[in-house]
Amino acid sequence: MEPVLLAIALGIVVFTATNVDDLFVLVMFFSNPSFSTKQVVIGQYIGVSLLITISAFSYFAAFIVPSAWIRLIGIFPIIIGIRNLAKAKTRKMPIAYKLESTVEYQAKIARHPNHNILSVATVSMANGGDNIGVYVPLFASSSLYQLFVILTVFLVMIGVWCIAAYCLLRNKIAGEQIRKYGHILFPFVLIGLGLFILLR
């Protein structure tokens, strides 16, 4: 039972840490009248699911790559965490806000529902590009059962993220707090994840 709870907890923590900026992207999409709630949710599922699917293929590398080498790729989350920690000193706003002009532009030129879904999926993938560097070592170092649990948690968390963003749209105080402190916590979670993979 404990391994299951650990996999669930790990999935929640990793997804939350790697998708903080994405929460604000969703808030912007939900606040734009050109996008329906359904389009945003579908687009978000497509974008994040593609990132997860690409990373999940790393599991099969475990059959051809020695386990000691797989543990070494835990270095990548540490590098990404340190890089984000360094950027935090000069960064004035989350990456999501830098995408705001792109989101607004895509909303204006979108004339078909499928375009809106594609816009959400594209921005979601672009904003989560670094996630692959975190998911790959996590998935590759997991057992098949742990991988199934973590992937299930991720799929559930996509829905939770959509609901959270929709609610944040109506709560300026909570949104301000996440915008202020979320990116500060992000690098430390990545570094901790990398150490966990190296030592397991």
N, C-alpha and C. Protein backbone atom coordinates (compact mmCIF):
# COMPACT_ATOMS: atom_id res chain seq x y z
N MET A 1 0.83 -1.21 0.00
CA MET A 1 0.00 0.00 0.00
C MET A 1 0.86 1.26 0.00
N GLU A 2 2.00 1.20 0.75
CA GLU A 2 2.87 2.36 0.83
C GLU A 2 3.47 2.75 -0.52
N PRO A 3 3.93 1.77 -1.34
CA PRO A 3 4.44 2.14 -2.66
C PRO A 3 3.41 2.86 -3.52
N VAL A 4 2.14 2.46 -3.39
CA VAL A 4 1.08 3.11 -4.16
C VAL A 4 0.90 4.55 -3.70
N LEU A 5 0.87 4.74 -2.39
CA LEU A 5 0.70 6.08 -1.84
C LEU A 5 1.89 6.97 -2.22
N LEU A 6 3.08 6.38 -2.22
CA LEU A 6 4.27 7.13 -2.61
C LEU A 6 4.20 7.55 -4.06
N ALA A 7 3.75 6.63 -4.93
CA ALA A 7 3.63 6.95 -6.35
C ALA A 7 2.58 8.03 -6.58
N ILE A 8 1.47 7.96 -5.85
CA ILE A 8 0.42 8.98 -5.96
C ILE A 8 0.94 10.34 -5.50
N ALA A 9 1.60 10.35 -4.34
CA ALA A 9 2.14 11.59 -3.80
C ALA A 9 3.18 12.19 -4.74
N LEU A 10 4.05 11.32 -5.28
CA LEU A 10 5.09 11.77 -6.19
C LEU A 10 4.49 12.35 -7.47
N GLY A 11 3.45 11.67 -7.97
CA GLY A 11 2.79 12.17 -9.17
C GLY A 11 2.17 13.53 -8.97
N ILE A 12 1.51 13.72 -7.82
CA ILE A 12 0.87 15.01 -7.51
C ILE A 12 1.91 16.12 -7.38
N VAL A 13 2.98 15.82 -6.63
CA VAL A 13 4.03 16.83 -6.40
C VAL A 13 4.72 17.22 -7.71
N VAL A 14 5.10 16.21 -8.51
CA VAL A 14 5.81 16.49 -9.76
C VAL A 14 4.93 17.26 -10.74
N PHE A 15 3.67 16.84 -10.89
CA PHE A 15 2.78 17.53 -11.81
C PHE A 15 2.57 18.97 -11.37
N THR A 16 2.34 19.16 -10.08
CA THR A 16 2.11 20.51 -9.55
C THR A 16 3.32 21.40 -9.78
N ALA A 17 4.51 20.87 -9.47
CA ALA A 17 5.73 21.66 -9.60
C ALA A 17 6.04 22.03 -11.04
N THR A 18 5.75 21.13 -11.98
CA THR A 18 6.11 21.38 -13.37
C THR A 18 5.03 22.12 -14.16
N ASN A 19 3.89 22.37 -13.53
CA ASN A 19 2.80 23.02 -14.26
C ASN A 19 2.27 24.28 -13.58
N VAL A 20 3.08 24.88 -12.72
CA VAL A 20 2.65 26.11 -12.05
C VAL A 20 2.38 27.20 -13.08
N ASP A 21 3.31 27.43 -14.00
CA ASP A 21 3.13 28.46 -15.02
C ASP A 21 1.92 28.17 -15.89
N ASP A 22 1.69 26.89 -16.17
CA ASP A 22 0.57 26.50 -17.02
C ASP A 22 -0.77 26.90 -16.42
N LEU A 23 -0.81 27.00 -15.10
CA LEU A 23 -2.04 27.39 -14.43
C LEU A 23 -2.46 28.79 -14.87
N PHE A 24 -1.50 29.68 -15.02
CA PHE A 24 -1.80 31.05 -15.42
C PHE A 24 -2.17 31.13 -16.90
N VAL A 25 -1.59 30.26 -17.70
CA VAL A 25 -1.97 30.19 -19.11
C VAL A 25 -3.45 29.80 -19.22
N LEU A 26 -3.85 28.83 -18.43
CA LEU A 26 -5.25 28.40 -18.42
C LEU A 26 -6.18 29.52 -17.96
N VAL A 27 -5.75 30.26 -16.96
CA VAL A 27 -6.57 31.38 -16.47
C VAL A 27 -6.81 32.38 -17.59
N MET A 28 -5.78 32.66 -18.37
CA MET A 28 -5.92 33.61 -19.49
C MET A 28 -6.87 33.07 -20.56
N PHE A 29 -6.77 31.78 -20.85
CA PHE A 29 -7.66 31.19 -21.84
C PHE A 29 -9.11 31.23 -21.37
N PHE A 30 -9.33 30.85 -20.11
CA PHE A 30 -10.69 30.86 -19.57
C PHE A 30 -11.29 32.27 -19.54
N SER A 31 -10.43 33.26 -19.37
CA SER A 31 -10.92 34.64 -19.28
C SER A 31 -11.19 35.25 -20.64
N ASN A 32 -10.76 34.57 -21.71
CA ASN A 32 -10.96 35.09 -23.06
C ASN A 32 -12.28 34.58 -23.63
N PRO A 33 -13.20 35.47 -23.95
CA PRO A 33 -14.52 35.05 -24.46
C PRO A 33 -14.47 34.32 -25.79
N SER A 34 -13.33 34.39 -26.50
CA SER A 34 -13.21 33.70 -27.79
C SER A 34 -13.03 32.20 -27.62
N PHE A 35 -12.72 31.78 -26.38
CA PHE A 35 -12.50 30.36 -26.09
C PHE A 35 -13.59 29.85 -25.16
N SER A 36 -14.22 28.75 -25.55
CA SER A 36 -15.21 28.15 -24.67
C SER A 36 -14.49 27.28 -23.64
N THR A 37 -15.17 26.99 -22.54
CA THR A 37 -14.58 26.15 -21.49
C THR A 37 -14.21 24.78 -22.05
N LYS A 38 -15.06 24.23 -22.90
CA LYS A 38 -14.82 22.92 -23.50
C LYS A 38 -13.55 22.93 -24.35
N GLN A 39 -13.35 23.98 -25.14
CA GLN A 39 -12.18 24.08 -26.00
C GLN A 39 -10.90 24.14 -25.18
N VAL A 40 -10.93 24.89 -24.08
CA VAL A 40 -9.75 25.03 -23.23
C VAL A 40 -9.39 23.69 -22.58
N VAL A 41 -10.40 23.00 -22.07
CA VAL A 41 -10.16 21.72 -21.39
C VAL A 41 -9.62 20.68 -22.36
N ILE A 42 -10.25 20.57 -23.54
CA ILE A 42 -9.79 19.60 -24.54
C ILE A 42 -8.37 19.92 -25.01
N GLY A 43 -8.11 21.19 -25.28
CA GLY A 43 -6.79 21.60 -25.72
C GLY A 43 -5.72 21.33 -24.68
N GLN A 44 -6.06 21.57 -23.42
CA GLN A 44 -5.11 21.32 -22.34
C GLN A 44 -4.81 19.83 -22.21
N TYR A 45 -5.82 19.01 -22.31
CA TYR A 45 -5.62 17.55 -22.24
C TYR A 45 -4.73 17.07 -23.39
N ILE A 46 -4.96 17.61 -24.58
CA ILE A 46 -4.16 17.19 -25.73
C ILE A 46 -2.70 17.61 -25.55
N GLY A 47 -2.47 18.86 -25.19
CA GLY A 47 -1.12 19.38 -25.05
C GLY A 47 -0.30 18.66 -23.99
N VAL A 48 -0.87 18.54 -22.79
CA VAL A 48 -0.14 17.90 -21.69
C VAL A 48 -0.01 16.40 -21.93
N SER A 49 -1.05 15.79 -22.49
CA SER A 49 -0.99 14.34 -22.76
C SER A 49 0.11 14.00 -23.76
N LEU A 50 0.33 14.87 -24.73
CA LEU A 50 1.41 14.63 -25.70
C LEU A 50 2.77 14.68 -25.01
N LEU A 51 2.95 15.64 -24.12
CA LEU A 51 4.20 15.72 -23.37
C LEU A 51 4.40 14.47 -22.52
N ILE A 52 3.33 14.02 -21.87
CA ILE A 52 3.41 12.83 -21.03
C ILE A 52 3.69 11.59 -21.86
N THR A 53 3.03 11.49 -23.03
CA THR A 53 3.22 10.31 -23.90
C THR A 53 4.66 10.22 -24.39
N ILE A 54 5.20 11.34 -24.82
CA ILE A 54 6.60 11.36 -25.28
C ILE A 54 7.53 10.91 -24.17
N SER A 55 7.27 11.41 -22.96
CA SER A 55 8.12 11.06 -21.83
C SER A 55 7.93 9.60 -21.41
N ALA A 56 6.71 9.09 -21.54
CA ALA A 56 6.42 7.73 -21.09
C ALA A 56 7.18 6.67 -21.88
N PHE A 57 7.55 6.98 -23.12
CA PHE A 57 8.31 6.03 -23.91
C PHE A 57 9.68 5.76 -23.28
N SER A 58 10.09 6.66 -22.39
CA SER A 58 11.39 6.48 -21.73
C SER A 58 11.38 5.23 -20.85
N TYR A 59 10.18 4.78 -20.45
CA TYR A 59 10.10 3.58 -19.60
C TYR A 59 10.75 2.38 -20.27
N PHE A 60 10.55 2.26 -21.58
CA PHE A 60 11.07 1.10 -22.30
C PHE A 60 12.59 1.13 -22.42
N ALA A 61 13.17 2.30 -22.17
CA ALA A 61 14.65 2.39 -22.19
C ALA A 61 15.23 1.58 -21.03
N ALA A 62 14.41 1.34 -20.02
CA ALA A 62 14.90 0.59 -18.85
C ALA A 62 15.28 -0.85 -19.21
N PHE A 63 14.75 -1.36 -20.32
CA PHE A 63 15.03 -2.74 -20.70
C PHE A 63 16.36 -2.87 -21.46
N ILE A 64 16.89 -1.75 -21.95
CA ILE A 64 18.12 -1.81 -22.73
C ILE A 64 19.25 -0.98 -22.13
N VAL A 65 18.90 -0.14 -21.14
CA VAL A 65 19.90 0.70 -20.49
C VAL A 65 20.09 0.25 -19.05
N PRO A 66 21.33 0.06 -18.59
CA PRO A 66 21.58 -0.35 -17.20
C PRO A 66 20.92 0.60 -16.21
N SER A 67 20.38 0.05 -15.11
CA SER A 67 19.67 0.85 -14.12
C SER A 67 20.54 1.95 -13.53
N ALA A 68 21.84 1.68 -13.39
CA ALA A 68 22.74 2.69 -12.84
C ALA A 68 22.79 3.93 -13.73
N TRP A 69 22.72 3.70 -15.06
CA TRP A 69 22.74 4.82 -15.99
C TRP A 69 21.42 5.59 -15.93
N ILE A 70 20.32 4.86 -15.76
CA ILE A 70 19.01 5.51 -15.68
C ILE A 70 18.95 6.44 -14.47
N ARG A 71 19.52 5.98 -13.37
CA ARG A 71 19.53 6.82 -12.17
C ARG A 71 20.30 8.12 -12.42
N LEU A 72 21.33 8.04 -13.27
CA LEU A 72 22.15 9.22 -13.54
C LEU A 72 21.38 10.33 -14.24
N ILE A 73 20.31 9.97 -14.98
CA ILE A 73 19.57 11.03 -15.66
C ILE A 73 18.74 11.84 -14.67
N GLY A 74 18.79 11.46 -13.40
CA GLY A 74 18.20 12.31 -12.36
C GLY A 74 18.94 13.63 -12.27
N ILE A 75 20.10 13.70 -12.91
CA ILE A 75 20.87 14.95 -12.94
C ILE A 75 20.11 16.04 -13.69
N PHE A 76 19.32 15.64 -14.70
CA PHE A 76 18.64 16.63 -15.53
C PHE A 76 17.62 17.48 -14.76
N PRO A 77 16.76 16.88 -13.92
CA PRO A 77 15.87 17.73 -13.12
C PRO A 77 16.65 18.67 -12.21
N ILE A 78 17.79 18.20 -11.71
CA ILE A 78 18.62 19.05 -10.84
C ILE A 78 19.14 20.24 -11.64
N ILE A 79 19.61 19.97 -12.87
CA ILE A 79 20.13 21.04 -13.73
C ILE A 79 19.03 22.05 -14.05
N ILE A 80 17.84 21.51 -14.40
CA ILE A 80 16.71 22.39 -14.72
C ILE A 80 16.32 23.22 -13.50
N GLY A 81 16.33 22.57 -12.32
CA GLY A 81 16.00 23.28 -11.09
C GLY A 81 16.99 24.38 -10.78
N ILE A 82 18.27 24.09 -10.92
CA ILE A 82 19.31 25.10 -10.68
C ILE A 82 19.20 26.24 -11.68
N ARG A 83 18.91 25.88 -12.94
CA ARG A 83 18.76 26.91 -13.97
C ARG A 83 17.59 27.84 -13.65
N ASN A 84 16.47 27.25 -13.22
CA ASN A 84 15.31 28.06 -12.85
C ASN A 84 15.58 28.89 -11.60
N LEU A 85 16.38 28.33 -10.70
CA LEU A 85 16.74 29.05 -9.48
C LEU A 85 17.58 30.28 -9.84
N ALA A 86 18.47 30.11 -10.82
CA ALA A 86 19.30 31.23 -11.26
C ALA A 86 18.46 32.28 -11.98
N LYS A 87 17.51 31.80 -12.78
CA LYS A 87 16.64 32.74 -13.51
C LYS A 87 15.72 33.51 -12.57
N ALA A 88 15.38 32.90 -11.43
CA ALA A 88 14.45 33.52 -10.49
C ALA A 88 14.97 34.85 -9.97
N LYS A 89 16.28 35.02 -9.99
CA LYS A 89 16.87 36.26 -9.48
C LYS A 89 16.66 37.43 -10.44
N THR A 90 16.51 37.10 -11.73
CA THR A 90 16.35 38.17 -12.72
C THR A 90 14.97 38.19 -13.36
N ARG A 91 14.22 37.10 -13.17
CA ARG A 91 12.90 37.02 -13.81
C ARG A 91 11.90 37.90 -13.06
N LYS A 92 11.18 38.70 -13.78
CA LYS A 92 10.22 39.62 -13.17
C LYS A 92 8.81 39.07 -13.17
N MET A 93 8.57 38.05 -14.02
CA MET A 93 7.23 37.48 -14.08
C MET A 93 7.33 36.07 -14.60
N PRO A 94 6.30 35.21 -14.32
CA PRO A 94 6.30 33.83 -14.79
C PRO A 94 6.30 33.76 -16.31
N ILE A 95 6.79 32.65 -16.85
CA ILE A 95 6.84 32.44 -18.29
C ILE A 95 5.45 32.59 -18.91
N ALA A 96 4.42 32.17 -18.16
CA ALA A 96 3.06 32.18 -18.69
C ALA A 96 2.66 33.56 -19.17
N TYR A 97 3.08 34.63 -18.45
CA TYR A 97 2.69 35.97 -18.82
C TYR A 97 3.41 36.45 -20.06
N LYS A 98 4.59 35.87 -20.34
CA LYS A 98 5.30 36.21 -21.55
C LYS A 98 4.56 35.66 -22.76
N LEU A 99 3.71 34.66 -22.53
CA LEU A 99 2.95 34.05 -23.62
C LEU A 99 1.62 34.75 -23.85
N GLU A 100 1.32 35.75 -23.02
CA GLU A 100 0.01 36.38 -23.08
C GLU A 100 -0.28 36.97 -24.45
N SER A 101 0.70 37.69 -25.02
CA SER A 101 0.48 38.30 -26.33
C SER A 101 0.23 37.24 -27.38
N THR A 102 0.92 36.09 -27.29
CA THR A 102 0.73 34.99 -28.23
C THR A 102 -0.68 34.43 -28.11
N VAL A 103 -1.12 34.25 -26.88
CA VAL A 103 -2.46 33.72 -26.63
C VAL A 103 -3.52 34.65 -27.21
N GLU A 104 -3.37 35.95 -26.97
CA GLU A 104 -4.35 36.91 -27.46
C GLU A 104 -4.36 36.95 -28.99
N TYR A 105 -3.19 36.86 -29.57
CA TYR A 105 -3.10 36.88 -31.04
C TYR A 105 -3.77 35.67 -31.64
N GLN A 106 -3.52 34.51 -31.07
CA GLN A 106 -4.13 33.29 -31.59
C GLN A 106 -5.65 33.34 -31.41
N ALA A 107 -6.11 33.98 -30.35
CA ALA A 107 -7.55 34.06 -30.12
C ALA A 107 -8.22 34.93 -31.18
N LYS A 108 -7.52 35.96 -31.62
CA LYS A 108 -8.09 36.88 -32.61
C LYS A 108 -8.19 36.25 -33.99
N ILE A 109 -7.17 35.46 -34.35
CA ILE A 109 -7.17 34.90 -35.70
C ILE A 109 -7.93 33.58 -35.79
N ALA A 110 -8.30 33.01 -34.62
CA ALA A 110 -9.01 31.73 -34.64
C ALA A 110 -10.45 31.94 -35.09
N ARG A 111 -10.85 31.28 -36.16
CA ARG A 111 -12.21 31.42 -36.68
C ARG A 111 -12.96 30.10 -36.68
N HIS A 112 -12.29 29.05 -36.23
CA HIS A 112 -12.90 27.72 -36.20
C HIS A 112 -12.63 27.09 -34.84
N PRO A 113 -13.60 26.39 -34.27
CA PRO A 113 -13.41 25.78 -32.94
C PRO A 113 -12.15 24.95 -32.81
N ASN A 114 -11.81 24.20 -33.88
CA ASN A 114 -10.62 23.36 -33.83
C ASN A 114 -9.35 24.20 -33.71
N HIS A 115 -9.38 25.41 -34.26
CA HIS A 115 -8.23 26.30 -34.15
C HIS A 115 -8.01 26.69 -32.69
N ASN A 116 -9.10 26.93 -31.98
CA ASN A 116 -8.98 27.29 -30.57
C ASN A 116 -8.38 26.15 -29.76
N ILE A 117 -8.85 24.94 -30.03
CA ILE A 117 -8.32 23.76 -29.32
C ILE A 117 -6.84 23.60 -29.63
N LEU A 118 -6.47 23.77 -30.90
CA LEU A 118 -5.07 23.65 -31.30
C LEU A 118 -4.22 24.74 -30.65
N SER A 119 -4.80 25.93 -30.51
CA SER A 119 -4.07 27.03 -29.88
C SER A 119 -3.75 26.70 -28.43
N VAL A 120 -4.72 26.18 -27.70
CA VAL A 120 -4.51 25.82 -26.30
C VAL A 120 -3.47 24.71 -26.19
N ALA A 121 -3.60 23.69 -27.04
CA ALA A 121 -2.66 22.56 -27.01
C ALA A 121 -1.24 23.01 -27.34
N THR A 122 -1.11 23.89 -28.34
CA THR A 122 0.21 24.36 -28.76
C THR A 122 0.89 25.17 -27.66
N VAL A 123 0.16 26.10 -27.07
CA VAL A 123 0.72 26.93 -26.00
C VAL A 123 1.05 26.08 -24.79
N SER A 124 0.19 25.10 -24.51
CA SER A 124 0.43 24.20 -23.37
C SER A 124 1.72 23.41 -23.55
N MET A 125 1.95 22.90 -24.77
CA MET A 125 3.16 22.15 -25.05
C MET A 125 4.40 23.05 -25.00
N ALA A 126 4.28 24.26 -25.57
CA ALA A 126 5.41 25.18 -25.58
C ALA A 126 5.80 25.59 -24.16
N ASN A 127 4.78 25.83 -23.33
CA ASN A 127 5.03 26.25 -21.96
C ASN A 127 5.55 25.10 -21.10
N GLY A 128 5.28 23.85 -21.53
CA GLY A 128 5.70 22.69 -20.74
C GLY A 128 6.84 21.92 -21.36
N GLY A 129 7.58 22.55 -22.27
CA GLY A 129 8.68 21.86 -22.94
C GLY A 129 9.72 21.31 -21.98
N ASP A 130 10.02 22.07 -20.92
CA ASP A 130 11.01 21.61 -19.94
C ASP A 130 10.51 20.41 -19.13
N ASN A 131 9.20 20.19 -19.14
CA ASN A 131 8.64 19.09 -18.36
C ASN A 131 9.19 17.74 -18.79
N ILE A 132 9.50 17.61 -20.09
CA ILE A 132 10.02 16.34 -20.59
C ILE A 132 11.32 15.97 -19.88
N GLY A 133 12.14 16.98 -19.62
CA GLY A 133 13.40 16.73 -18.93
C GLY A 133 13.21 16.24 -17.51
N VAL A 134 12.01 16.51 -16.95
CA VAL A 134 11.69 16.03 -15.60
C VAL A 134 10.99 14.68 -15.65
N TYR A 135 10.04 14.53 -16.59
CA TYR A 135 9.24 13.31 -16.67
C TYR A 135 10.07 12.10 -17.12
N VAL A 136 10.99 12.32 -18.06
CA VAL A 136 11.76 11.19 -18.61
C VAL A 136 12.50 10.42 -17.53
N PRO A 137 13.32 11.09 -16.69
CA PRO A 137 14.03 10.32 -15.65
C PRO A 137 13.09 9.72 -14.62
N LEU A 138 11.97 10.41 -14.33
CA LEU A 138 11.01 9.88 -13.37
C LEU A 138 10.38 8.60 -13.90
N PHE A 139 9.90 8.62 -15.14
CA PHE A 139 9.25 7.46 -15.73
C PHE A 139 10.24 6.31 -15.93
N ALA A 140 11.45 6.64 -16.41
CA ALA A 140 12.43 5.61 -16.70
C ALA A 140 12.90 4.89 -15.44
N SER A 141 12.83 5.55 -14.30
CA SER A 141 13.29 4.94 -13.05
C SER A 141 12.15 4.30 -12.26
N SER A 142 10.95 4.27 -12.84
CA SER A 142 9.78 3.68 -12.17
C SER A 142 9.51 2.27 -12.68
N SER A 143 8.86 1.47 -11.84
CA SER A 143 8.42 0.15 -12.28
C SER A 143 7.18 0.34 -13.14
N LEU A 144 6.76 -0.71 -13.84
CA LEU A 144 5.58 -0.62 -14.70
C LEU A 144 4.35 -0.23 -13.89
N TYR A 145 4.22 -0.80 -12.69
CA TYR A 145 3.06 -0.49 -11.86
C TYR A 145 3.11 0.96 -11.39
N GLN A 146 4.30 1.41 -10.97
CA GLN A 146 4.44 2.80 -10.53
C GLN A 146 4.17 3.76 -11.68
N LEU A 147 4.62 3.40 -12.88
CA LEU A 147 4.39 4.23 -14.06
C LEU A 147 2.89 4.37 -14.33
N PHE A 148 2.15 3.27 -14.21
CA PHE A 148 0.70 3.30 -14.43
C PHE A 148 0.03 4.22 -13.42
N VAL A 149 0.43 4.13 -12.15
CA VAL A 149 -0.16 4.96 -11.10
C VAL A 149 0.15 6.44 -11.35
N ILE A 150 1.40 6.73 -11.67
CA ILE A 150 1.80 8.12 -11.89
C ILE A 150 1.09 8.72 -13.11
N LEU A 151 0.98 7.94 -14.19
CA LEU A 151 0.29 8.43 -15.39
C LEU A 151 -1.19 8.68 -15.10
N THR A 152 -1.80 7.81 -14.30
CA THR A 152 -3.20 8.00 -13.92
C THR A 152 -3.37 9.27 -13.11
N VAL A 153 -2.45 9.49 -12.18
CA VAL A 153 -2.47 10.71 -11.36
C VAL A 153 -2.33 11.95 -12.26
N PHE A 154 -1.43 11.88 -13.23
CA PHE A 154 -1.21 13.01 -14.14
C PHE A 154 -2.49 13.34 -14.92
N LEU A 155 -3.16 12.31 -15.42
CA LEU A 155 -4.39 12.54 -16.19
C LEU A 155 -5.48 13.17 -15.33
N VAL A 156 -5.56 12.73 -14.08
CA VAL A 156 -6.53 13.32 -13.15
C VAL A 156 -6.15 14.76 -12.84
N MET A 157 -4.85 15.00 -12.68
CA MET A 157 -4.37 16.33 -12.31
C MET A 157 -4.59 17.36 -13.43
N ILE A 158 -4.64 16.91 -14.68
CA ILE A 158 -4.94 17.84 -15.78
C ILE A 158 -6.33 18.43 -15.55
N GLY A 159 -7.29 17.56 -15.20
CA GLY A 159 -8.64 18.03 -14.92
C GLY A 159 -8.68 18.93 -13.70
N VAL A 160 -7.94 18.54 -12.67
CA VAL A 160 -7.88 19.35 -11.45
C VAL A 160 -7.30 20.73 -11.77
N TRP A 161 -6.29 20.76 -12.64
CA TRP A 161 -5.66 22.02 -13.02
C TRP A 161 -6.63 22.94 -13.75
N CYS A 162 -7.46 22.35 -14.62
CA CYS A 162 -8.46 23.14 -15.34
C CYS A 162 -9.48 23.74 -14.36
N ILE A 163 -9.91 22.94 -13.40
CA ILE A 163 -10.87 23.41 -12.40
C ILE A 163 -10.24 24.51 -11.55
N ALA A 164 -8.97 24.29 -11.15
CA ALA A 164 -8.27 25.28 -10.31
C ALA A 164 -8.12 26.61 -11.04
N ALA A 165 -7.77 26.54 -12.33
CA ALA A 165 -7.60 27.77 -13.11
C ALA A 165 -8.94 28.50 -13.25
N TYR A 166 -9.99 27.74 -13.45
CA TYR A 166 -11.32 28.34 -13.60
C TYR A 166 -11.74 29.04 -12.31
N CYS A 167 -11.41 28.41 -11.18
CA CYS A 167 -11.75 29.02 -9.89
C CYS A 167 -10.86 30.22 -9.59
N LEU A 168 -9.59 30.15 -9.98
CA LEU A 168 -8.68 31.27 -9.75
C LEU A 168 -9.12 32.51 -10.50
N LEU A 169 -9.79 32.29 -11.61
CA LEU A 169 -10.28 33.40 -12.41
C LEU A 169 -11.25 34.27 -11.60
N ARG A 170 -11.84 33.68 -10.58
CA ARG A 170 -12.80 34.37 -9.74
C ARG A 170 -12.26 34.71 -8.35
N ASN A 171 -10.95 34.50 -8.17
CA ASN A 171 -10.33 34.79 -6.88
C ASN A 171 -8.98 35.46 -7.11
N LYS A 172 -8.98 36.78 -7.14
CA LYS A 172 -7.77 37.53 -7.44
C LYS A 172 -6.71 37.39 -6.35
N ILE A 173 -7.15 37.24 -5.10
CA ILE A 173 -6.19 37.14 -3.99
C ILE A 173 -5.37 35.86 -4.10
N ALA A 174 -6.04 34.72 -4.31
CA ALA A 174 -5.34 33.44 -4.43
C ALA A 174 -4.43 33.44 -5.65
N GLY A 175 -4.90 34.00 -6.75
CA GLY A 175 -4.09 34.05 -7.96
C GLY A 175 -2.83 34.87 -7.76
N GLU A 176 -2.94 35.94 -7.01
CA GLU A 176 -1.78 36.79 -6.74
C GLU A 176 -0.74 36.06 -5.90
N GLN A 177 -1.18 35.27 -4.94
CA GLN A 177 -0.26 34.53 -4.07
C GLN A 177 0.50 33.46 -4.85
N ILE A 178 -0.21 32.73 -5.73
CA ILE A 178 0.44 31.71 -6.54
C ILE A 178 1.42 32.36 -7.51
N ARG A 179 1.03 33.48 -8.08
CA ARG A 179 1.88 34.19 -9.02
C ARG A 179 3.16 34.69 -8.33
N LYS A 180 3.04 34.99 -7.05
CA LYS A 180 4.16 35.55 -6.31
C LYS A 180 5.13 34.49 -5.79
N TYR A 181 4.58 33.33 -5.34
CA TYR A 181 5.43 32.35 -4.67
C TYR A 181 5.59 31.01 -5.41
N GLY A 182 4.72 30.71 -6.35
CA GLY A 182 4.77 29.41 -7.03
C GLY A 182 6.08 29.15 -7.73
N HIS A 183 6.58 30.13 -8.46
CA HIS A 183 7.82 29.95 -9.22
C HIS A 183 9.04 29.86 -8.30
N ILE A 184 8.90 30.33 -7.07
CA ILE A 184 10.01 30.24 -6.11
C ILE A 184 10.17 28.79 -5.64
N LEU A 185 9.07 28.11 -5.42
CA LEU A 185 9.10 26.73 -4.95
C LEU A 185 9.52 25.75 -6.03
N PHE A 186 9.20 26.07 -7.28
CA PHE A 186 9.43 25.18 -8.42
C PHE A 186 10.86 24.63 -8.50
N PRO A 187 11.93 25.46 -8.46
CA PRO A 187 13.29 24.91 -8.60
C PRO A 187 13.66 23.93 -7.50
N PHE A 188 13.23 24.19 -6.27
CA PHE A 188 13.58 23.32 -5.15
C PHE A 188 12.93 21.95 -5.27
N VAL A 189 11.71 21.92 -5.79
CA VAL A 189 11.03 20.64 -6.00
C VAL A 189 11.76 19.83 -7.07
N LEU A 190 12.22 20.49 -8.13
CA LEU A 190 12.95 19.80 -9.19
C LEU A 190 14.26 19.22 -8.66
N ILE A 191 14.98 20.02 -7.88
CA ILE A 191 16.25 19.55 -7.32
C ILE A 191 16.00 18.35 -6.40
N GLY A 192 14.94 18.43 -5.59
CA GLY A 192 14.61 17.32 -4.70
C GLY A 192 14.24 16.07 -5.47
N LEU A 193 13.51 16.25 -6.59
CA LEU A 193 13.14 15.10 -7.44
C LEU A 193 14.38 14.45 -8.03
N GLY A 194 15.31 15.27 -8.51
CA GLY A 194 16.53 14.74 -9.10
C GLY A 194 17.35 13.93 -8.08
N LEU A 195 17.44 14.44 -6.86
CA LEU A 195 18.16 13.72 -5.80
C LEU A 195 17.45 12.42 -5.46
N PHE A 196 16.13 12.44 -5.49
CA PHE A 196 15.34 11.24 -5.19
C PHE A 196 15.64 10.15 -6.22
N ILE A 197 15.71 10.53 -7.48
CA ILE A 197 15.99 9.56 -8.56
C ILE A 197 17.41 9.04 -8.48
N LEU A 198 18.37 9.91 -8.15
CA LEU A 198 19.75 9.50 -8.05
C LEU A 198 20.00 8.52 -6.91
N LEU A 199 19.25 8.70 -5.82
CA LEU A 199 19.49 7.91 -4.62
C LEU A 199 18.62 6.67 -4.50
N ARG A 200 17.55 6.57 -5.32
CA ARG A 200 16.63 5.43 -5.18
C ARG A 200 17.25 4.16 -5.71
